């Protein structure tokens, strides 16, 4: 025996379907909105990281056009240099390369706030900084420092 659906039951079914659709759409919208907010946070972090890298590149460009020898270390005086122009060019290349690699190492920030990829950035910058110091001391300073003869 087939049961006939009354008008009231049909109306209630339509209301339930519409309510469920609105509920699902609302949840979907909330998820999209939450994801968009996370993307905004990721871009803000990467932008700040990129600004720091661009600052390093800017220091390199400043070193390139400087007339006096530019110091790599903070709060120390520059030792006597043979050829200040070539020395500044070498330090400028070091700073610019550091800035470019620094920006590239910031790409994992786009993966999300709680991503394990951020370790790549942290460890990468540590290694990059140590390598820059080694290159400065063993290559640049050794090549351009005046040798005193006694």
N, C-alpha and C. Protein backbone atom coordinates (compact mmCIF):
# COMPACT_ATOMS: atom_id res chain seq x y z
N UNK A 1 0.83 -1.16 0.00
CA UNK A 1 0.00 0.00 0.00
C UNK A 1 0.90 1.25 0.00
N UNK A 2 0.61 2.15 -0.86
CA UNK A 2 1.39 3.37 -1.02
C UNK A 2 0.76 4.46 -0.17
N UNK A 3 1.60 5.10 0.57
CA UNK A 3 1.12 6.16 1.45
C UNK A 3 1.23 7.49 0.71
N UNK A 4 0.25 8.29 0.74
CA UNK A 4 0.28 9.58 0.06
C UNK A 4 0.85 10.62 1.02
N UNK A 5 1.62 11.54 0.45
CA UNK A 5 2.25 12.59 1.25
C UNK A 5 1.33 13.80 1.22
N UNK A 6 1.06 14.31 2.39
CA UNK A 6 0.17 15.47 2.48
C UNK A 6 0.96 16.73 2.15
N UNK A 7 0.27 17.80 1.96
CA UNK A 7 0.89 19.08 1.64
C UNK A 7 1.77 19.57 2.78
N UNK A 8 1.33 19.35 4.01
CA UNK A 8 2.10 19.80 5.18
C UNK A 8 3.41 19.04 5.29
N UNK A 9 3.39 17.73 5.05
CA UNK A 9 4.61 16.94 5.10
C UNK A 9 5.58 17.37 4.00
N UNK A 10 5.04 17.66 2.84
CA UNK A 10 5.87 18.10 1.72
C UNK A 10 6.53 19.44 2.08
N UNK A 11 5.78 20.35 2.68
CA UNK A 11 6.29 21.65 3.08
C UNK A 11 7.39 21.49 4.13
N UNK A 12 7.16 20.61 5.12
CA UNK A 12 8.18 20.37 6.14
C UNK A 12 9.45 19.77 5.53
N UNK A 13 9.30 18.87 4.58
CA UNK A 13 10.47 18.29 3.91
C UNK A 13 11.27 19.37 3.17
N UNK A 14 10.59 20.27 2.48
CA UNK A 14 11.27 21.34 1.76
C UNK A 14 12.00 22.28 2.71
N UNK A 15 11.37 22.58 3.85
CA UNK A 15 12.01 23.45 4.84
C UNK A 15 13.27 22.79 5.40
N UNK A 16 13.17 21.49 5.71
CA UNK A 16 14.34 20.76 6.22
C UNK A 16 15.46 20.73 5.21
N UNK A 17 15.13 20.50 3.95
CA UNK A 17 16.14 20.46 2.89
C UNK A 17 16.80 21.84 2.75
N UNK A 18 16.00 22.89 2.75
CA UNK A 18 16.53 24.25 2.63
C UNK A 18 17.42 24.59 3.84
N UNK A 19 16.97 24.21 5.03
CA UNK A 19 17.75 24.48 6.24
C UNK A 19 19.09 23.74 6.19
N UNK A 20 19.02 22.48 5.77
CA UNK A 20 20.25 21.68 5.70
C UNK A 20 21.21 22.28 4.67
N UNK A 21 20.70 22.72 3.54
CA UNK A 21 21.52 23.33 2.50
C UNK A 21 22.18 24.61 3.04
N UNK A 22 21.40 25.44 3.73
CA UNK A 22 21.95 26.66 4.31
C UNK A 22 23.02 26.34 5.35
N UNK A 23 22.77 25.32 6.16
CA UNK A 23 23.72 24.92 7.19
C UNK A 23 25.03 24.44 6.55
N UNK A 24 24.92 23.62 5.51
CA UNK A 24 26.09 23.11 4.81
C UNK A 24 26.83 24.26 4.14
N UNK A 25 26.12 25.17 3.49
CA UNK A 25 26.75 26.31 2.83
C UNK A 25 27.44 27.21 3.85
N UNK A 26 26.83 27.39 5.02
CA UNK A 26 27.42 28.21 6.06
C UNK A 26 28.73 27.59 6.56
N UNK A 27 28.72 26.28 6.80
CA UNK A 27 29.94 25.59 7.24
C UNK A 27 31.03 25.68 6.17
N UNK A 28 30.63 25.50 4.90
CA UNK A 28 31.58 25.59 3.80
C UNK A 28 32.17 27.00 3.73
N UNK A 29 31.36 28.01 3.87
CA UNK A 29 31.82 29.38 3.85
C UNK A 29 32.77 29.66 5.01
N UNK A 30 32.45 29.13 6.19
CA UNK A 30 33.33 29.32 7.35
C UNK A 30 34.70 28.69 7.12
N UNK A 31 34.71 27.49 6.51
CA UNK A 31 35.98 26.83 6.23
C UNK A 31 36.80 27.63 5.22
N UNK A 32 36.14 28.14 4.19
CA UNK A 32 36.84 28.93 3.18
C UNK A 32 37.38 30.21 3.81
N UNK A 33 36.57 30.85 4.64
CA UNK A 33 36.99 32.08 5.30
C UNK A 33 38.17 31.83 6.22
N UNK A 34 38.14 30.72 6.95
CA UNK A 34 39.24 30.37 7.86
C UNK A 34 40.52 30.11 7.07
N UNK A 35 40.39 29.41 5.95
CA UNK A 35 41.54 29.12 5.11
C UNK A 35 42.12 30.41 4.53
N UNK A 36 41.25 31.34 4.14
CA UNK A 36 41.70 32.62 3.60
C UNK A 36 42.45 33.41 4.66
N UNK A 37 41.96 33.41 5.90
CA UNK A 37 42.66 34.11 6.98
C UNK A 37 44.04 33.51 7.22
N UNK A 38 44.15 32.17 7.15
CA UNK A 38 45.45 31.53 7.33
C UNK A 38 46.39 31.91 6.19
N UNK A 39 45.87 31.99 4.96
CA UNK A 39 46.70 32.38 3.82
C UNK A 39 47.20 33.81 4.00
N UNK A 40 46.34 34.69 4.51
CA UNK A 40 46.77 36.07 4.76
C UNK A 40 47.90 36.10 5.78
N UNK A 41 47.79 35.30 6.85
CA UNK A 41 48.84 35.24 7.86
C UNK A 41 50.14 34.71 7.26
N UNK A 42 50.03 33.70 6.39
CA UNK A 42 51.23 33.14 5.77
C UNK A 42 51.92 34.18 4.89
N UNK A 43 51.13 34.93 4.13
CA UNK A 43 51.71 35.94 3.26
C UNK A 43 52.34 37.06 4.06
N UNK A 44 51.75 37.42 5.19
CA UNK A 44 52.34 38.46 6.04
C UNK A 44 53.70 37.99 6.56
N UNK A 45 53.79 36.76 7.02
CA UNK A 45 55.05 36.21 7.50
C UNK A 45 56.11 36.15 6.42
N UNK A 46 55.72 35.69 5.24
CA UNK A 46 56.67 35.59 4.13
C UNK A 46 57.11 36.98 3.67
N UNK A 47 56.19 37.94 3.69
CA UNK A 47 56.54 39.30 3.30
C UNK A 47 57.55 39.90 4.27
N UNK A 48 57.35 39.70 5.56
CA UNK A 48 58.31 40.20 6.55
C UNK A 48 59.67 39.54 6.35
N UNK A 49 59.66 38.24 6.09
CA UNK A 49 60.90 37.50 5.82
C UNK A 49 61.58 38.07 4.57
N UNK A 50 60.79 38.32 3.53
CA UNK A 50 61.33 38.86 2.29
C UNK A 50 61.91 40.25 2.47
N UNK A 51 61.27 41.08 3.29
CA UNK A 51 61.79 42.42 3.56
C UNK A 51 63.17 42.33 4.22
N UNK A 52 63.33 41.38 5.13
CA UNK A 52 64.64 41.20 5.76
C UNK A 52 65.69 40.79 4.72
N UNK A 53 65.30 39.92 3.80
CA UNK A 53 66.22 39.52 2.73
C UNK A 53 66.56 40.67 1.80
N UNK A 54 65.57 41.49 1.48
CA UNK A 54 65.80 42.65 0.61
C UNK A 54 66.69 43.66 1.32
N UNK A 55 66.56 43.76 2.63
CA UNK A 55 67.44 44.64 3.41
C UNK A 55 68.89 44.18 3.27
N UNK A 56 69.13 42.88 3.32
CA UNK A 56 70.49 42.36 3.14
C UNK A 56 71.00 42.66 1.73
N UNK A 57 70.15 42.53 0.73
CA UNK A 57 70.54 42.86 -0.64
C UNK A 57 70.85 44.35 -0.74
N UNK A 58 70.06 45.18 -0.06
CA UNK A 58 70.31 46.62 -0.04
C UNK A 58 71.65 46.96 0.59
N UNK A 59 72.01 46.26 1.66
CA UNK A 59 73.33 46.47 2.27
C UNK A 59 74.42 46.09 1.27
N UNK A 60 74.19 45.02 0.52
CA UNK A 60 75.16 44.61 -0.50
C UNK A 60 75.32 45.66 -1.59
N UNK A 61 74.21 46.25 -2.02
CA UNK A 61 74.29 47.30 -3.04
C UNK A 61 74.99 48.54 -2.48
N UNK A 62 74.70 48.87 -1.23
CA UNK A 62 75.39 50.00 -0.59
C UNK A 62 76.89 49.73 -0.51
N UNK A 63 77.26 48.50 -0.17
CA UNK A 63 78.68 48.14 -0.08
C UNK A 63 79.36 48.25 -1.45
N UNK A 64 78.63 47.93 -2.49
CA UNK A 64 79.19 47.97 -3.84
C UNK A 64 79.60 49.39 -4.23
N UNK A 65 78.82 50.38 -3.81
CA UNK A 65 79.09 51.76 -4.19
C UNK A 65 79.85 52.56 -3.13
N UNK A 66 80.24 51.93 -2.06
CA UNK A 66 80.95 52.62 -0.99
C UNK A 66 82.40 52.85 -1.38
N UNK A 67 82.92 54.01 -1.00
CA UNK A 67 84.32 54.35 -1.31
C UNK A 67 85.28 53.77 -0.28
N UNK A 68 84.86 53.75 0.99
CA UNK A 68 85.68 53.19 2.07
C UNK A 68 85.40 51.70 2.21
N UNK A 69 86.35 50.94 2.72
CA UNK A 69 86.10 49.50 2.93
C UNK A 69 84.92 49.27 3.88
N UNK A 70 84.02 48.40 3.47
CA UNK A 70 82.83 48.08 4.25
C UNK A 70 83.16 46.90 5.15
N UNK A 71 82.71 46.98 6.40
CA UNK A 71 83.01 45.90 7.34
C UNK A 71 81.89 44.88 7.33
N UNK A 72 82.26 43.65 7.42
CA UNK A 72 81.30 42.55 7.49
C UNK A 72 80.76 42.40 8.91
N UNK A 73 81.63 42.57 9.90
CA UNK A 73 81.26 42.38 11.29
C UNK A 73 80.69 43.68 11.86
N UNK A 74 79.81 43.57 12.82
CA UNK A 74 79.21 44.75 13.46
C UNK A 74 80.12 45.24 14.59
N UNK A 75 80.16 46.56 14.77
CA UNK A 75 80.86 47.21 15.87
C UNK A 75 82.35 46.91 15.93
N UNK A 76 82.96 46.70 14.80
CA UNK A 76 84.42 46.54 14.75
C UNK A 76 84.96 47.41 13.64
N UNK A 77 86.23 47.72 13.71
CA UNK A 77 86.84 48.52 12.65
C UNK A 77 87.38 47.59 11.57
N UNK A 78 87.46 48.12 10.37
CA UNK A 78 87.96 47.34 9.24
C UNK A 78 89.48 47.32 9.30
N UNK A 79 90.04 46.15 9.11
CA UNK A 79 91.50 46.07 9.06
C UNK A 79 91.97 46.69 7.74
N UNK A 80 93.24 46.94 7.64
CA UNK A 80 93.78 47.58 6.44
C UNK A 80 93.58 46.66 5.23
N UNK A 81 93.08 47.26 4.15
CA UNK A 81 92.71 46.49 2.96
C UNK A 81 93.60 46.93 1.79
N UNK A 82 94.04 45.95 0.97
CA UNK A 82 94.87 46.24 -0.21
C UNK A 82 94.11 47.05 -1.25
N UNK A 83 93.01 46.51 -1.72
CA UNK A 83 92.24 47.12 -2.79
C UNK A 83 90.79 47.29 -2.31
N UNK A 84 90.43 48.48 -1.80
CA UNK A 84 89.09 48.65 -1.23
C UNK A 84 87.96 48.42 -2.23
N UNK A 85 88.16 48.77 -3.49
CA UNK A 85 87.10 48.62 -4.49
C UNK A 85 86.78 47.14 -4.73
N UNK A 86 87.80 46.33 -4.92
CA UNK A 86 87.57 44.90 -5.13
C UNK A 86 87.07 44.23 -3.85
N UNK A 87 87.57 44.68 -2.71
CA UNK A 87 87.11 44.15 -1.42
C UNK A 87 85.62 44.44 -1.24
N UNK A 88 85.21 45.68 -1.50
CA UNK A 88 83.79 46.04 -1.39
C UNK A 88 82.93 45.25 -2.37
N UNK A 89 83.47 44.99 -3.56
CA UNK A 89 82.74 44.20 -4.55
C UNK A 89 82.53 42.77 -4.02
N UNK A 90 83.55 42.20 -3.41
CA UNK A 90 83.44 40.83 -2.87
C UNK A 90 82.45 40.79 -1.70
N UNK A 91 82.51 41.79 -0.80
CA UNK A 91 81.58 41.84 0.33
C UNK A 91 80.15 42.07 -0.18
N UNK A 92 80.00 42.91 -1.21
CA UNK A 92 78.68 43.17 -1.79
C UNK A 92 78.08 41.89 -2.37
N UNK A 93 78.90 41.12 -3.09
CA UNK A 93 78.41 39.84 -3.63
C UNK A 93 77.98 38.91 -2.51
N UNK A 94 78.76 38.89 -1.43
CA UNK A 94 78.42 38.03 -0.29
C UNK A 94 77.08 38.43 0.33
N UNK A 95 76.89 39.73 0.56
CA UNK A 95 75.63 40.20 1.14
C UNK A 95 74.44 39.96 0.20
N UNK A 96 74.60 40.22 -1.08
CA UNK A 96 73.50 40.02 -2.03
C UNK A 96 73.13 38.53 -2.14
N UNK A 97 74.13 37.68 -2.22
CA UNK A 97 73.87 36.25 -2.28
C UNK A 97 73.20 35.77 -1.00
N UNK A 98 73.65 36.30 0.14
CA UNK A 98 73.03 35.96 1.42
C UNK A 98 71.54 36.35 1.40
N UNK A 99 71.24 37.55 0.93
CA UNK A 99 69.85 38.02 0.89
C UNK A 99 68.97 37.17 -0.02
N UNK A 100 69.50 36.80 -1.18
CA UNK A 100 68.72 35.98 -2.12
C UNK A 100 68.44 34.60 -1.53
N UNK A 101 69.46 33.97 -0.96
CA UNK A 101 69.27 32.64 -0.36
C UNK A 101 68.34 32.75 0.85
N UNK A 102 68.44 33.84 1.60
CA UNK A 102 67.57 34.07 2.76
C UNK A 102 66.10 34.11 2.32
N UNK A 103 65.82 34.81 1.24
CA UNK A 103 64.44 34.89 0.73
C UNK A 103 63.96 33.51 0.28
N UNK A 104 64.81 32.78 -0.42
CA UNK A 104 64.43 31.43 -0.89
C UNK A 104 64.16 30.51 0.30
N UNK A 105 64.95 30.64 1.35
CA UNK A 105 64.73 29.81 2.54
C UNK A 105 63.43 30.17 3.27
N UNK A 106 62.84 31.31 2.95
CA UNK A 106 61.58 31.71 3.57
C UNK A 106 60.36 31.11 2.92
N UNK A 107 60.52 30.44 1.80
CA UNK A 107 59.37 29.86 1.08
C UNK A 107 58.58 28.88 1.95
N UNK A 108 59.21 28.06 2.81
CA UNK A 108 58.41 27.17 3.66
C UNK A 108 57.41 27.90 4.57
N UNK A 109 57.58 29.19 4.77
CA UNK A 109 56.59 29.94 5.56
C UNK A 109 55.22 29.93 4.90
N UNK A 110 55.18 29.71 3.59
CA UNK A 110 53.91 29.67 2.87
C UNK A 110 53.16 28.36 3.09
N UNK A 111 53.81 27.38 3.69
CA UNK A 111 53.17 26.07 3.92
C UNK A 111 52.20 26.09 5.10
N UNK A 112 52.29 27.08 5.95
CA UNK A 112 51.37 27.16 7.08
C UNK A 112 52.10 27.40 8.38
N UNK A 113 51.32 27.80 9.37
CA UNK A 113 51.90 28.19 10.65
C UNK A 113 52.49 27.01 11.40
N UNK A 114 51.84 25.89 11.41
CA UNK A 114 52.31 24.75 12.18
C UNK A 114 52.97 23.69 11.30
N UNK A 115 53.59 24.12 10.24
CA UNK A 115 54.23 23.20 9.31
C UNK A 115 55.62 22.82 9.80
N UNK A 116 55.99 21.59 9.57
CA UNK A 116 57.33 21.13 9.94
C UNK A 116 58.38 21.68 8.98
N UNK A 117 57.94 22.19 7.84
CA UNK A 117 58.88 22.74 6.86
C UNK A 117 59.60 23.99 7.38
N UNK A 118 59.07 24.62 8.42
CA UNK A 118 59.71 25.81 8.96
C UNK A 118 61.10 25.47 9.50
N UNK A 119 61.31 24.21 9.89
CA UNK A 119 62.63 23.78 10.34
C UNK A 119 63.67 23.95 9.23
N UNK A 120 63.24 23.75 7.99
CA UNK A 120 64.13 23.94 6.85
C UNK A 120 64.60 25.40 6.81
N UNK A 121 63.70 26.33 7.07
CA UNK A 121 64.08 27.75 7.09
C UNK A 121 65.04 28.05 8.23
N UNK A 122 64.73 27.59 9.42
CA UNK A 122 65.54 27.90 10.59
C UNK A 122 66.94 27.30 10.46
N UNK A 123 67.01 26.02 10.16
CA UNK A 123 68.31 25.36 10.03
C UNK A 123 69.07 25.89 8.82
N UNK A 124 68.33 26.17 7.75
CA UNK A 124 68.97 26.72 6.55
C UNK A 124 69.62 28.06 6.79
N UNK A 125 68.94 28.94 7.54
CA UNK A 125 69.51 30.26 7.84
C UNK A 125 70.72 30.12 8.76
N UNK A 126 70.66 29.19 9.70
CA UNK A 126 71.83 28.97 10.57
C UNK A 126 73.03 28.55 9.73
N UNK A 127 72.83 27.59 8.86
CA UNK A 127 73.93 27.11 8.02
C UNK A 127 74.41 28.20 7.08
N UNK A 128 73.46 28.95 6.51
CA UNK A 128 73.81 30.04 5.60
C UNK A 128 74.66 31.10 6.31
N UNK A 129 74.28 31.45 7.53
CA UNK A 129 75.03 32.47 8.29
C UNK A 129 76.44 31.98 8.61
N UNK A 130 76.56 30.75 9.02
CA UNK A 130 77.89 30.19 9.32
C UNK A 130 78.74 30.15 8.05
N UNK A 131 78.14 29.76 6.94
CA UNK A 131 78.88 29.72 5.67
C UNK A 131 79.33 31.11 5.24
N UNK A 132 78.49 32.13 5.45
CA UNK A 132 78.87 33.50 5.10
C UNK A 132 80.07 33.94 5.94
N UNK A 133 80.07 33.60 7.22
CA UNK A 133 81.21 33.95 8.08
C UNK A 133 82.48 33.24 7.63
N UNK A 134 82.36 31.98 7.30
CA UNK A 134 83.51 31.20 6.85
C UNK A 134 84.06 31.79 5.55
N UNK A 135 83.18 32.10 4.61
CA UNK A 135 83.61 32.68 3.33
C UNK A 135 84.30 34.01 3.56
N UNK A 136 83.74 34.84 4.45
CA UNK A 136 84.36 36.14 4.70
C UNK A 136 85.76 35.98 5.29
N UNK A 137 85.89 35.15 6.31
CA UNK A 137 87.17 35.02 7.00
C UNK A 137 88.21 34.29 6.14
N UNK A 138 87.83 33.17 5.56
CA UNK A 138 88.81 32.34 4.85
C UNK A 138 89.09 32.80 3.42
N UNK A 139 88.16 33.51 2.80
CA UNK A 139 88.37 33.90 1.40
C UNK A 139 88.57 35.40 1.27
N UNK A 140 87.57 36.18 1.64
CA UNK A 140 87.62 37.62 1.37
C UNK A 140 88.68 38.32 2.22
N UNK A 141 88.60 38.12 3.52
CA UNK A 141 89.56 38.81 4.40
C UNK A 141 90.98 38.35 4.12
N UNK A 142 91.18 37.09 3.88
CA UNK A 142 92.52 36.55 3.61
C UNK A 142 93.09 37.13 2.30
N UNK A 143 92.21 37.31 1.32
CA UNK A 143 92.66 37.79 0.01
C UNK A 143 92.98 39.28 0.01
N UNK A 144 92.19 40.09 0.71
CA UNK A 144 92.33 41.55 0.60
C UNK A 144 93.00 42.23 1.78
N UNK A 145 93.29 41.51 2.85
CA UNK A 145 93.91 42.12 4.03
C UNK A 145 95.38 42.40 3.73
N UNK A 146 95.84 43.58 4.12
CA UNK A 146 97.25 43.93 3.91
C UNK A 146 98.11 43.04 4.79
N UNK A 147 99.15 42.54 4.19
CA UNK A 147 100.09 41.69 4.93
C UNK A 147 101.22 42.57 5.43
N UNK A 148 101.42 42.56 6.72
CA UNK A 148 102.47 43.37 7.33
C UNK A 148 103.79 42.60 7.30
N UNK A 149 104.82 43.28 6.86
CA UNK A 149 106.14 42.65 6.86
C UNK A 149 106.96 43.31 7.95
N UNK A 150 107.54 42.51 8.78
CA UNK A 150 108.33 43.02 9.90
C UNK A 150 109.79 42.92 9.62
